Amino acid sequence: MDLTASEFSQMYKGFIPELSKDSHVENLKDDNLPESVDWRTGAQVAVGPVKEQGQCGSCWAFSTVGSLEGLSALFGDKKLQSFSESQLVDCSTSYHNHGCGGGLMDNAFKFVINYGIATEEEYPYKPVDGACKTKGGQNFRIHDFKDVSRGSVSQLAAAVVNQPISVAVDANNF
């Protein structure tokens, strides 16, 4: 490996947990949960194929988009479509995200509340920081988002039962 720890973090670790200043924690009913849920198969497919972020610390955008794609499939137009990670990378900097330098899903959700999100076809992914092409995305919009309590496995399980979710792993201490 020819990268320093700092270079590796800058290239591949895009989640910035300290960006989260407010909390949208909601306590979910977490008893009598099913043993498993697989949103990739069955009557309600709500998770698409794995995507590649390339040399860009945009994992936060991919996590955000994955949950939005699932919401759209379950509660929107009932079909799985691919949304634009690049739109979040390029356009949500005023929401305290830093493009390929990292970001936070909560901030990306706030952007989508205000502007919606474009499809991948309309705003294709490029693993670089770019100029915002369009903030608009009338294909899908959300009205709110909720977080689960940090470290609560039962709350995480309860959220997954309801819909595909957005998650981040803080890999800075590995």
C-alpha atoms as a PDB file:
ATOM      1  CA  MET A   1       0.000   0.000   0.000  1.00  0.00           C
ATOM      2  CA  ASP A   2       1.501   3.297  -1.037  1.00  0.00           C
ATOM      3  CA  LEU A   3      -0.894   5.640   0.784  1.00  0.00           C
ATOM      4  CA  THR A   4      -0.367   7.243   4.162  1.00  0.00           C
ATOM      5  CA  ALA A   5      -3.151   6.836   6.711  1.00  0.00           C
ATOM      6  CA  SER A   6      -4.178  10.437   6.052  1.00  0.00           C
ATOM      7  CA  GLU A   7      -4.262   9.920   2.264  1.00  0.00           C
ATOM      8  CA  PHE A   8      -6.284   6.710   2.682  1.00  0.00           C
ATOM      9  CA  SER A   9      -8.781   8.464   4.957  1.00  0.00           C
ATOM     10  CA  GLN A  10      -9.153  11.372   2.557  1.00  0.00           C
ATOM     11  CA  MET A  11      -9.733   9.063  -0.442  1.00  0.00           C
ATOM     12  CA  TYR A  12     -11.940   6.376   1.035  1.00  0.00           C
ATOM     13  CA  LYS A  13     -13.462   7.532   4.317  1.00  0.00           C
ATOM     14  CA  GLY A  14     -16.060  10.173   3.573  1.00  0.00           C
ATOM     15  CA  PHE A  15     -18.327   9.996   6.625  1.00  0.00           C
ATOM     16  CA  ILE A  16     -17.761  12.930   8.999  1.00  0.00           C
ATOM     17  CA  PRO A  17     -19.670  12.169  12.234  1.00  0.00           C
ATOM     18  CA  GLU A  18     -18.809  15.459  13.921  1.00  0.00           C
ATOM     19  CA  LEU A  19     -20.885  17.314  11.312  1.00  0.00           C
ATOM     20  CA  SER A  20     -24.097  16.157  13.005  1.00  0.00           C
ATOM     21  CA  LYS A  21     -25.213  18.905  15.364  1.00  0.00           C
ATOM     22  CA  ASP A  22     -28.921  18.260  15.790  1.00  0.00           C
ATOM     23  CA  SER A  23     -30.715  15.034  16.467  1.00  0.00           C
ATOM     24  CA  HIS A  24     -33.727  13.506  14.798  1.00  0.00           C
ATOM     25  CA  VAL A  25     -33.798  10.397  17.008  1.00  0.00           C
ATOM     26  CA  GLU A  26     -37.051   8.489  17.068  1.00  0.00           C
ATOM     27  CA  ASN A  27     -37.759   5.494  19.289  1.00  0.00           C
ATOM     28  CA  LEU A  28     -39.308   2.678  17.286  1.00  0.00           C
ATOM     29  CA  LYS A  29     -41.280  -0.329  18.481  1.00  0.00           C
ATOM     30  CA  ASP A  30     -38.617  -3.034  18.665  1.00  0.00           C
ATOM     31  CA  ASP A  31     -40.409  -6.094  20.019  1.00  0.00           C
ATOM     32  CA  ASN A  32     -41.704  -9.008  17.924  1.00  0.00           C
ATOM     33  CA  LEU A  33     -39.388  -8.231  14.994  1.00  0.00           C
ATOM     34  CA  PRO A  34     -39.004 -10.830  12.234  1.00  0.00           C
ATOM     35  CA  GLU A  35     -35.831 -12.941  12.192  1.00  0.00           C
ATOM     36  CA  SER A  36     -34.718 -11.434   8.889  1.00  0.00           C
ATOM     37  CA  VAL A  37     -35.613  -8.966   6.168  1.00  0.00           C
ATOM     38  CA  ASP A  38     -34.166  -8.970   2.661  1.00  0.00           C
ATOM     39  CA  TRP A  39     -35.071  -5.912   0.606  1.00  0.00           C
ATOM     40  CA  ARG A  40     -33.209  -7.322  -2.452  1.00  0.00           C
ATOM     41  CA  THR A  41     -35.755 -10.043  -3.246  1.00  0.00           C
ATOM     42  CA  GLY A  42     -39.418 -10.879  -2.935  1.00  0.00           C
ATOM     43  CA  ALA A  43     -42.571  -8.927  -3.608  1.00  0.00           C
ATOM     44  CA  GLN A  44     -41.088  -5.577  -2.533  1.00  0.00           C
ATOM     45  CA  VAL A  45     -37.619  -5.190  -4.029  1.00  0.00           C
ATOM     46  CA  ALA A  46     -36.268  -1.949  -2.600  1.00  0.00           C
ATOM     47  CA  VAL A  47     -32.474  -2.291  -2.866  1.00  0.00           C
ATOM     48  CA  GLY A  48     -30.589  -2.169  -6.145  1.00  0.00           C
ATOM     49  CA  PRO A  49     -27.197  -3.491  -7.164  1.00  0.00           C
ATOM     50  CA  VAL A  50     -23.959  -2.438  -5.471  1.00  0.00           C
ATOM     51  CA  LYS A  51     -22.502   0.827  -6.779  1.00  0.00           C
ATOM     52  CA  GLU A  52     -18.871   1.990  -6.940  1.00  0.00           C
ATOM     53  CA  GLN A  53     -17.786   5.301  -5.374  1.00  0.00           C
ATOM     54  CA  GLY A  54     -14.288   5.241  -6.884  1.00  0.00           C
ATOM     55  CA  GLN A  55     -11.570   7.573  -5.576  1.00  0.00           C
ATOM     56  CA  CYS A  56     -14.033   9.902  -3.833  1.00  0.00           C
ATOM     57  CA  GLY A  57     -14.991  10.061  -0.162  1.00  0.00           C
ATOM     58  CA  SER A  58     -18.672  10.053  -1.077  1.00  0.00           C
ATOM     59  CA  CYS A  59     -19.856   7.078   0.972  1.00  0.00           C
ATOM     60  CA  TRP A  60     -22.259   9.430   2.774  1.00  0.00           C
ATOM     61  CA  ALA A  61     -23.939  10.266  -0.572  1.00  0.00           C
ATOM     62  CA  PHE A  62     -24.206   6.583  -1.550  1.00  0.00           C
ATOM     63  CA  SER A  63     -25.719   5.756   1.840  1.00  0.00           C
ATOM     64  CA  THR A  64     -28.244   8.569   1.485  1.00  0.00           C
ATOM     65  CA  VAL A  65     -29.181   7.611  -2.066  1.00  0.00           C
ATOM     66  CA  GLY A  66     -29.560   3.917  -1.192  1.00  0.00           C
ATOM     67  CA  SER A  67     -32.194   4.675   1.414  1.00  0.00           C
ATOM     68  CA  LEU A  68     -33.965   7.159  -0.886  1.00  0.00           C
ATOM     69  CA  GLU A  69     -34.099   4.558  -3.664  1.00  0.00           C
ATOM     70  CA  GLY A  70     -35.689   2.124  -1.215  1.00  0.00           C
ATOM     71  CA  LEU A  71     -38.236   4.689  -0.039  1.00  0.00           C
ATOM     72  CA  SER A  72     -39.167   5.478  -3.620  1.00  0.00           C
ATOM     73  CA  ALA A  73     -39.674   1.799  -4.420  1.00  0.00           C
ATOM     74  CA  LEU A  74     -41.804   1.164  -1.348  1.00  0.00           C
ATOM     75  CA  PHE A  75     -43.760   4.380  -0.912  1.00  0.00           C
ATOM     76  CA  GLY A  76     -43.215   6.484  -4.034  1.00  0.00           C
ATOM     77  CA  ASP A  77     -43.844   5.335  -7.553  1.00  0.00           C
ATOM     78  CA  LYS A  78     -43.381   1.671  -6.555  1.00  0.00           C
ATOM     79  CA  LYS A  79     -40.452   1.045  -8.904  1.00  0.00           C
ATOM     80  CA  LEU A  80     -36.778   0.831  -8.078  1.00  0.00           C
ATOM     81  CA  GLN A  81     -34.868   3.642  -9.714  1.00  0.00           C
ATOM     82  CA  SER A  82     -31.324   4.922  -9.345  1.00  0.00           C
ATOM     83  CA  PHE A  83     -30.805   8.399  -7.859  1.00  0.00           C
ATOM     84  CA  SER A  84     -27.814  10.711  -8.248  1.00  0.00           C
ATOM     85  CA  GLU A  85     -24.966  10.577  -5.734  1.00  0.00           C
ATOM     86  CA  SER A  86     -23.099  13.235  -7.744  1.00  0.00           C
ATOM     87  CA  GLN A  87     -25.904  15.715  -7.255  1.00  0.00           C
ATOM     88  CA  LEU A  88     -25.420  15.397  -3.494  1.00  0.00           C
ATOM     89  CA  VAL A  89     -21.615  15.576  -3.818  1.00  0.00           C
ATOM     90  CA  ASP A  90     -21.754  18.651  -6.050  1.00  0.00           C
ATOM     91  CA  CYS A  91     -24.774  20.531  -4.714  1.00  0.00           C
ATOM     92  CA  SER A  92     -25.153  19.953  -0.961  1.00  0.00           C
ATOM     93  CA  THR A  93     -22.037  21.836   0.161  1.00  0.00           C
ATOM     94  CA  SER A  94     -24.166  24.661   1.570  1.00  0.00           C
ATOM     95  CA  TYR A  95     -25.616  21.972   3.874  1.00  0.00           C
ATOM     96  CA  HIS A  96     -22.145  21.415   5.391  1.00  0.00           C
ATOM     97  CA  ASN A  97     -21.165  18.464   3.217  1.00  0.00           C
ATOM     98  CA  HIS A  98     -17.724  18.498   1.644  1.00  0.00           C
ATOM     99  CA  GLY A  99     -18.182  16.582  -1.618  1.00  0.00           C
ATOM    100  CA  CYS A 100     -15.448  13.971  -2.040  1.00  0.00           C
ATOM    101  CA  GLY A 101     -13.976  15.261   1.227  1.00  0.00           C
ATOM    102  CA  GLY A 102     -16.804  13.735   3.239  1.00  0.00           C
ATOM    103  CA  GLY A 103     -20.233  14.515   4.530  1.00  0.00           C
ATOM    104  CA  LEU A 104     -23.172  13.415   6.580  1.00  0.00           C
ATOM    105  CA  MET A 105     -26.355  11.708   5.476  1.00  0.00           C
ATOM    106  CA  ASP A 106     -28.538  13.939   7.690  1.00  0.00           C
ATOM    107  CA  ASN A 107     -27.237  16.986   5.816  1.00  0.00           C
ATOM    108  CA  ALA A 108     -27.914  15.284   2.480  1.00  0.00           C
ATOM    109  CA  PHE A 109     -31.463  14.449   3.600  1.00  0.00           C
ATOM    110  CA  LYS A 110     -31.995  18.134   4.431  1.00  0.00           C
ATOM    111  CA  PHE A 111     -30.904  19.000   0.888  1.00  0.00           C
ATOM    112  CA  VAL A 112     -33.376  16.476  -0.567  1.00  0.00           C
ATOM    113  CA  ILE A 113     -36.177  17.865   1.603  1.00  0.00           C
ATOM    114  CA  ASN A 114     -35.610  21.276   0.027  1.00  0.00           C
ATOM    115  CA  TYR A 115     -34.708  20.359  -3.553  1.00  0.00           C
ATOM    116  CA  GLY A 116     -35.587  16.736  -4.254  1.00  0.00           C
ATOM    117  CA  ILE A 117     -33.128  14.465  -6.018  1.00  0.00           C
ATOM    118  CA  ALA A 118     -32.388  13.793  -9.668  1.00  0.00           C
ATOM    119  CA  THR A 119     -32.030  10.337 -11.176  1.00  0.00           C
ATOM    120  CA  GLU A 120     -28.638   8.852 -11.992  1.00  0.00           C
ATOM    121  CA  GLU A 121     -29.540   9.148 -15.669  1.00  0.00           C
ATOM    122  CA  GLU A 122     -30.225  12.884 -15.323  1.00  0.00           C
ATOM    123  CA  TYR A 123     -27.108  13.551 -13.214  1.00  0.00           C
ATOM    124  CA  PRO A 124     -24.567  10.712 -13.740  1.00  0.00           C
ATOM    125  CA  TYR A 125     -22.001   9.832 -11.078  1.00  0.00           C
ATOM    126  CA  LYS A 126     -18.446  11.077 -11.446  1.00  0.00           C
ATOM    127  CA  PRO A 127     -16.006  10.336  -8.586  1.00  0.00           C
ATOM    128  CA  VAL A 128     -14.807  13.955  -8.358  1.00  0.00           C
ATOM    129  CA  ASP A 129     -15.966  17.230  -6.854  1.00  0.00           C
ATOM    130  CA  GLY A 130     -17.810  19.103  -9.577  1.00  0.00           C
ATOM    131  CA  ALA A 131     -19.824  22.229 -10.094  1.00  0.00           C
ATOM    132  CA  CYS A 132     -23.510  21.830  -9.249  1.00  0.00           C
ATOM    133  CA  LYS A 133     -25.412  21.264 -12.498  1.00  0.00           C
ATOM    134  CA  THR A 134     -28.890  21.485 -11.004  1.00  0.00           C
ATOM    135  CA  LYS A 135     -30.244  21.557  -7.478  1.00  0.00           C
ATOM    136  CA  GLY A 136     -33.670  20.501  -8.657  1.00  0.00           C
ATOM    137  CA  GLY A 137     -34.810  16.922  -8.715  1.00  0.00           C
ATOM    138  CA  GLN A 138     -38.528  16.609  -9.016  1.00  0.00           C
ATOM    139  CA  ASN A 139     -38.412  12.840  -9.384  1.00  0.00           C
ATOM    140  CA  PHE A 140     -38.393  12.231  -5.653  1.00  0.00           C
ATOM    141  CA  ARG A 141     -38.617  14.375  -2.540  1.00  0.00           C
ATOM    142  CA  ILE A 142     -38.891  13.594   1.167  1.00  0.00           C
ATOM    143  CA  HIS A 143     -40.525  15.623   3.925  1.00  0.00           C
ATOM    144  CA  ASP A 144     -38.528  14.460   6.963  1.00  0.00           C
ATOM    145  CA  PHE A 145     -36.036  11.874   8.210  1.00  0.00           C
ATOM    146  CA  LYS A 146     -35.337  10.167  11.530  1.00  0.00           C
ATOM    147  CA  ASP A 147     -32.221   8.771  13.189  1.00  0.00           C
ATOM    148  CA  VAL A 148     -31.973   5.749  15.481  1.00  0.00           C
ATOM    149  CA  SER A 149     -30.156   5.895  18.789  1.00  0.00           C
ATOM    150  CA  ARG A 150     -26.408   5.459  18.379  1.00  0.00           C
ATOM    151  CA  GLY A 151     -25.319   1.966  19.387  1.00  0.00           C
ATOM    152  CA  SER A 152     -28.843   0.534  19.683  1.00  0.00           C
ATOM    153  CA  VAL A 153     -28.998  -2.749  17.783  1.00  0.00           C
ATOM    154  CA  SER A 154     -32.709  -3.216  18.550  1.00  0.00           C
ATOM    155  CA  GLN A 155     -33.585   0.245  17.191  1.00  0.00           C
ATOM    156  CA  LEU A 156     -31.480  -0.388  14.074  1.00  0.00           C
ATOM    157  CA  ALA A 157     -33.298  -3.697  13.532  1.00  0.00           C
ATOM    158  CA  ALA A 158     -36.676  -2.008  14.006  1.00  0.00           C
ATOM    159  CA  ALA A 159     -35.773   0.609  11.387  1.00  0.00           C
ATOM    160  CA  VAL A 160     -34.594  -2.011   8.853  1.00  0.00           C
ATOM    161  CA  VAL A 161     -37.884  -3.899   9.169  1.00  0.00           C
ATOM    162  CA  ASN A 162     -39.760  -0.821   7.968  1.00  0.00           C
ATOM    163  CA  GLN A 163     -37.592   0.149   4.981  1.00  0.00           C
ATOM    164  CA  PRO A 164     -34.026   0.215   3.659  1.00  0.00           C
ATOM    165  CA  ILE A 165     -32.004   2.607   5.793  1.00  0.00           C
ATOM    166  CA  SER A 166     -28.934   4.799   5.544  1.00  0.00           C
ATOM    167  CA  VAL A 167     -25.978   3.773   7.706  1.00  0.00           C
ATOM    168  CA  ALA A 168     -22.384   4.834   8.251  1.00  0.00           C
ATOM    169  CA  VAL A 169     -19.487   3.092   9.902  1.00  0.00           C
ATOM    170  CA  ASP A 170     -16.882   5.273  11.568  1.00  0.00           C
ATOM    171  CA  ALA A 171     -13.711   3.574  10.324  1.00  0.00           C
ATOM    172  CA  ASN A 172     -11.327   6.245  11.568  1.00  0.00           C
ATOM    173  CA  ASN A 173     -10.168   4.139  14.516  1.00  0.00           C
ATOM    174  CA  PHE A 174      -9.382   1.009  12.509  1.00  0.00           C
END
